[in-house]
Amino acid sequence: MTERDESNNCKASATTVQLTLPDLIVTAVTNPPATAVAGGIFKVTDTVKNQGAVAAPSSMLRYYLSTDQQRGGGDVLLGGGRSVSSMSAGKTSSGNANVTIPAGTPPGSYYLLSCADDLSVVPELNETNNCLASASTVVVQ
């Protein structure tokens, strides 16, 4: 349908709307033991932070062994993980988990990676900053 005045069909709101999401990062992770064996268990302590401007729903941290300090396809998923309750903006959650090195893990030197929201259930501002590597490595024998 043709209108007499096509320029008066919209009106702006009086206030702005901020569209944002949570952003989960790991800010600290303990170093693994110096040596371990496939099938062995060790304790991990870490801290995750919601650096976004809105609350994040509950999520899960999972842990990996990696030959470098970046999360990649060849990394070894460790048994065990840690649940993180919903977090308000700017809040942190510290905790620990006992993790198991899978039987059959190739011998070698690995960094420990702690990865927030590893199951990708939380839509985030940045989905690429969720993992933090330990400063030292564990030698799996």
C-alpha atoms as a PDB file:
ATOM      1  CA  MET A   1       0.000   0.000   0.000  1.00  0.00           C
ATOM      2  CA  THR A   2       1.323   3.428  -0.874  1.00  0.00           C
ATOM      3  CA  GLU A   3       1.400   6.085   1.841  1.00  0.00           C
ATOM      4  CA  ARG A   4       1.309   9.789   1.446  1.00  0.00           C
ATOM      5  CA  ASP A   5       4.412  10.180   3.676  1.00  0.00           C
ATOM      6  CA  GLU A   6       6.881   7.269   3.758  1.00  0.00           C
ATOM      7  CA  SER A   7       9.335   9.137   6.052  1.00  0.00           C
ATOM      8  CA  ASN A   8       7.314   8.979   9.293  1.00  0.00           C
ATOM      9  CA  ASN A   9       7.088   5.191   9.858  1.00  0.00           C
ATOM     10  CA  CYS A  10       9.792   4.803  12.529  1.00  0.00           C
ATOM     11  CA  LYS A  11      10.454   6.266  15.945  1.00  0.00           C
ATOM     12  CA  ALA A  12      13.585   5.844  18.078  1.00  0.00           C
ATOM     13  CA  SER A  13      13.322   4.906  21.740  1.00  0.00           C
ATOM     14  CA  ALA A  14      14.213   7.462  24.377  1.00  0.00           C
ATOM     15  CA  THR A  15      16.898   5.177  25.856  1.00  0.00           C
ATOM     16  CA  THR A  16      19.549   2.907  24.430  1.00  0.00           C
ATOM     17  CA  VAL A  17      19.688  -0.876  24.684  1.00  0.00           C
ATOM     18  CA  GLN A  18      23.024  -2.553  25.325  1.00  0.00           C
ATOM     19  CA  LEU A  19      23.338  -5.975  23.737  1.00  0.00           C
ATOM     20  CA  THR A  20      26.041  -7.961  25.475  1.00  0.00           C
ATOM     21  CA  LEU A  21      26.938 -11.430  26.641  1.00  0.00           C
ATOM     22  CA  PRO A  22      28.984 -13.003  29.432  1.00  0.00           C
ATOM     23  CA  ASP A  23      32.654 -13.815  28.793  1.00  0.00           C
ATOM     24  CA  LEU A  24      34.240 -16.660  30.758  1.00  0.00           C
ATOM     25  CA  ILE A  25      38.015 -16.852  31.154  1.00  0.00           C
ATOM     26  CA  VAL A  26      40.319 -18.940  33.323  1.00  0.00           C
ATOM     27  CA  THR A  27      42.532 -16.584  35.339  1.00  0.00           C
ATOM     28  CA  ALA A  28      44.593 -19.159  37.259  1.00  0.00           C
ATOM     29  CA  VAL A  29      45.457 -22.853  37.061  1.00  0.00           C
ATOM     30  CA  THR A  30      47.876 -24.855  39.183  1.00  0.00           C
ATOM     31  CA  ASN A  31      50.854 -26.547  37.653  1.00  0.00           C
ATOM     32  CA  PRO A  32      50.579 -30.315  37.159  1.00  0.00           C
ATOM     33  CA  PRO A  33      52.940 -32.689  38.958  1.00  0.00           C
ATOM     34  CA  ALA A  34      56.397 -32.986  37.394  1.00  0.00           C
ATOM     35  CA  THR A  35      55.746 -36.602  36.384  1.00  0.00           C
ATOM     36  CA  ALA A  36      52.702 -38.837  36.071  1.00  0.00           C
ATOM     37  CA  VAL A  37      51.654 -42.119  34.515  1.00  0.00           C
ATOM     38  CA  ALA A  38      48.835 -42.919  32.136  1.00  0.00           C
ATOM     39  CA  GLY A  39      45.884 -43.932  34.291  1.00  0.00           C
ATOM     40  CA  GLY A  40      47.170 -41.760  37.144  1.00  0.00           C
ATOM     41  CA  ILE A  41      45.170 -39.099  38.999  1.00  0.00           C
ATOM     42  CA  PHE A  42      46.181 -35.611  40.109  1.00  0.00           C
ATOM     43  CA  LYS A  43      44.426 -32.565  41.564  1.00  0.00           C
ATOM     44  CA  VAL A  44      43.837 -29.334  39.634  1.00  0.00           C
ATOM     45  CA  THR A  45      42.904 -26.016  41.246  1.00  0.00           C
ATOM     46  CA  ASP A  46      41.763 -23.118  39.083  1.00  0.00           C
ATOM     47  CA  THR A  47      39.789 -19.883  38.974  1.00  0.00           C
ATOM     48  CA  VAL A  48      37.296 -18.853  36.295  1.00  0.00           C
ATOM     49  CA  LYS A  49      36.000 -15.294  35.909  1.00  0.00           C
ATOM     50  CA  ASN A  50      32.996 -13.834  34.117  1.00  0.00           C
ATOM     51  CA  GLN A  51      34.575 -10.723  32.626  1.00  0.00           C
ATOM     52  CA  GLY A  52      31.388  -9.935  30.706  1.00  0.00           C
ATOM     53  CA  ALA A  53      28.819  -7.296  31.670  1.00  0.00           C
ATOM     54  CA  VAL A  54      25.942  -9.739  32.286  1.00  0.00           C
ATOM     55  CA  ALA A  55      25.459 -12.937  34.298  1.00  0.00           C
ATOM     56  CA  ALA A  56      26.622 -16.281  32.931  1.00  0.00           C
ATOM     57  CA  PRO A  57      24.565 -19.457  33.429  1.00  0.00           C
ATOM     58  CA  SER A  58      26.086 -22.609  34.913  1.00  0.00           C
ATOM     59  CA  SER A  59      28.834 -24.268  32.900  1.00  0.00           C
ATOM     60  CA  MET A  60      31.588 -26.873  33.071  1.00  0.00           C
ATOM     61  CA  LEU A  61      35.371 -26.646  33.166  1.00  0.00           C
ATOM     62  CA  ARG A  62      37.246 -29.500  31.538  1.00  0.00           C
ATOM     63  CA  TYR A  63      40.945 -30.245  31.438  1.00  0.00           C
ATOM     64  CA  TYR A  64      43.389 -31.313  28.747  1.00  0.00           C
ATOM     65  CA  LEU A  65      47.004 -32.283  28.246  1.00  0.00           C
ATOM     66  CA  SER A  66      48.578 -30.385  25.358  1.00  0.00           C
ATOM     67  CA  THR A  67      52.038 -30.416  23.792  1.00  0.00           C
ATOM     68  CA  ASP A  68      51.766 -26.629  23.437  1.00  0.00           C
ATOM     69  CA  GLN A  69      49.912 -23.929  25.379  1.00  0.00           C
ATOM     70  CA  GLN A  70      46.974 -23.728  22.953  1.00  0.00           C
ATOM     71  CA  ARG A  71      43.808 -25.823  22.775  1.00  0.00           C
ATOM     72  CA  GLY A  72      43.833 -27.965  19.640  1.00  0.00           C
ATOM     73  CA  GLY A  73      42.503 -31.135  18.074  1.00  0.00           C
ATOM     74  CA  GLY A  74      45.332 -33.388  19.248  1.00  0.00           C
ATOM     75  CA  ASP A  75      44.985 -32.522  22.936  1.00  0.00           C
ATOM     76  CA  VAL A  76      44.172 -35.287  25.434  1.00  0.00           C
ATOM     77  CA  LEU A  77      40.898 -34.810  27.357  1.00  0.00           C
ATOM     78  CA  LEU A  78      41.405 -35.729  30.997  1.00  0.00           C
ATOM     79  CA  GLY A  79      38.778 -37.595  32.973  1.00  0.00           C
ATOM     80  CA  GLY A  80      37.007 -35.369  35.488  1.00  0.00           C
ATOM     81  CA  GLY A  81      35.856 -31.778  35.397  1.00  0.00           C
ATOM     82  CA  ARG A  82      34.398 -29.038  37.546  1.00  0.00           C
ATOM     83  CA  SER A  83      30.901 -27.566  37.520  1.00  0.00           C
ATOM     84  CA  VAL A  84      30.670 -23.789  37.805  1.00  0.00           C
ATOM     85  CA  SER A  85      27.470 -22.239  39.132  1.00  0.00           C
ATOM     86  CA  SER A  86      25.948 -19.220  37.420  1.00  0.00           C
ATOM     87  CA  MET A  87      28.080 -16.107  37.940  1.00  0.00           C
ATOM     88  CA  SER A  88      27.200 -12.441  37.980  1.00  0.00           C
ATOM     89  CA  ALA A  89      29.260 -10.039  35.897  1.00  0.00           C
ATOM     90  CA  GLY A  90      32.768  -9.598  37.286  1.00  0.00           C
ATOM     91  CA  LYS A  91      32.522 -12.555  39.684  1.00  0.00           C
ATOM     92  CA  THR A  92      34.949 -15.463  40.009  1.00  0.00           C
ATOM     93  CA  SER A  93      34.673 -19.122  40.953  1.00  0.00           C
ATOM     94  CA  SER A  94      37.628 -21.017  42.391  1.00  0.00           C
ATOM     95  CA  GLY A  95      37.650 -24.749  42.921  1.00  0.00           C
ATOM     96  CA  ASN A  96      39.413 -27.996  42.284  1.00  0.00           C
ATOM     97  CA  ALA A  97      38.950 -31.301  40.556  1.00  0.00           C
ATOM     98  CA  ASN A  98      40.706 -34.642  40.499  1.00  0.00           C
ATOM     99  CA  VAL A  99      41.589 -35.532  36.925  1.00  0.00           C
ATOM    100  CA  THR A 100      42.635 -38.825  35.384  1.00  0.00           C
ATOM    101  CA  ILE A 101      45.148 -39.244  32.580  1.00  0.00           C
ATOM    102  CA  PRO A 102      43.595 -41.710  30.120  1.00  0.00           C
ATOM    103  CA  ALA A 103      45.270 -45.077  29.708  1.00  0.00           C
ATOM    104  CA  GLY A 104      47.118 -45.123  26.409  1.00  0.00           C
ATOM    105  CA  THR A 105      48.202 -41.461  26.585  1.00  0.00           C
ATOM    106  CA  PRO A 106      51.496 -41.319  24.650  1.00  0.00           C
ATOM    107  CA  PRO A 107      54.571 -40.666  26.805  1.00  0.00           C
ATOM    108  CA  GLY A 108      55.800 -37.098  26.577  1.00  0.00           C
ATOM    109  CA  SER A 109      55.814 -33.617  28.050  1.00  0.00           C
ATOM    110  CA  TYR A 110      52.443 -31.852  28.295  1.00  0.00           C
ATOM    111  CA  TYR A 111      50.977 -28.582  29.524  1.00  0.00           C
ATOM    112  CA  LEU A 112      47.787 -28.740  31.559  1.00  0.00           C
ATOM    113  CA  LEU A 113      44.930 -26.728  30.025  1.00  0.00           C
ATOM    114  CA  SER A 114      41.938 -25.569  32.071  1.00  0.00           C
ATOM    115  CA  CYS A 115      39.053 -24.655  29.758  1.00  0.00           C
ATOM    116  CA  ALA A 116      35.961 -22.747  30.916  1.00  0.00           C
ATOM    117  CA  ASP A 117      32.597 -23.556  29.329  1.00  0.00           C
ATOM    118  CA  ASP A 118      34.266 -26.370  27.431  1.00  0.00           C
ATOM    119  CA  LEU A 119      30.898 -27.804  26.369  1.00  0.00           C
ATOM    120  CA  SER A 120      29.960 -24.418  24.799  1.00  0.00           C
ATOM    121  CA  VAL A 121      26.630 -24.043  26.609  1.00  0.00           C
ATOM    122  CA  VAL A 122      27.168 -20.333  27.386  1.00  0.00           C
ATOM    123  CA  PRO A 123      26.904 -17.904  24.449  1.00  0.00           C
ATOM    124  CA  GLU A 124      29.870 -15.560  25.003  1.00  0.00           C
ATOM    125  CA  LEU A 125      31.335 -12.318  23.718  1.00  0.00           C
ATOM    126  CA  ASN A 126      34.558 -14.162  22.913  1.00  0.00           C
ATOM    127  CA  GLU A 127      34.542 -17.933  22.444  1.00  0.00           C
ATOM    128  CA  THR A 128      38.320 -18.138  21.847  1.00  0.00           C
ATOM    129  CA  ASN A 129      39.641 -17.049  25.272  1.00  0.00           C
ATOM    130  CA  ASN A 130      38.309 -19.859  27.481  1.00  0.00           C
ATOM    131  CA  CYS A 131      41.500 -21.860  28.125  1.00  0.00           C
ATOM    132  CA  LEU A 132      44.591 -21.180  30.216  1.00  0.00           C
ATOM    133  CA  ALA A 133      47.735 -23.298  30.176  1.00  0.00           C
ATOM    134  CA  SER A 134      49.882 -24.169  33.167  1.00  0.00           C
ATOM    135  CA  ALA A 135      53.285 -22.509  33.410  1.00  0.00           C
ATOM    136  CA  SER A 136      55.097 -25.855  33.703  1.00  0.00           C
ATOM    137  CA  THR A 137      54.652 -29.260  32.105  1.00  0.00           C
ATOM    138  CA  VAL A 138      54.034 -32.810  33.294  1.00  0.00           C
ATOM    139  CA  VAL A 139      56.062 -35.677  31.856  1.00  0.00           C
ATOM    140  CA  VAL A 140      53.728 -38.611  31.234  1.00  0.00           C
ATOM    141  CA  GLN A 141      55.670 -41.868  31.424  1.00  0.00           C
END
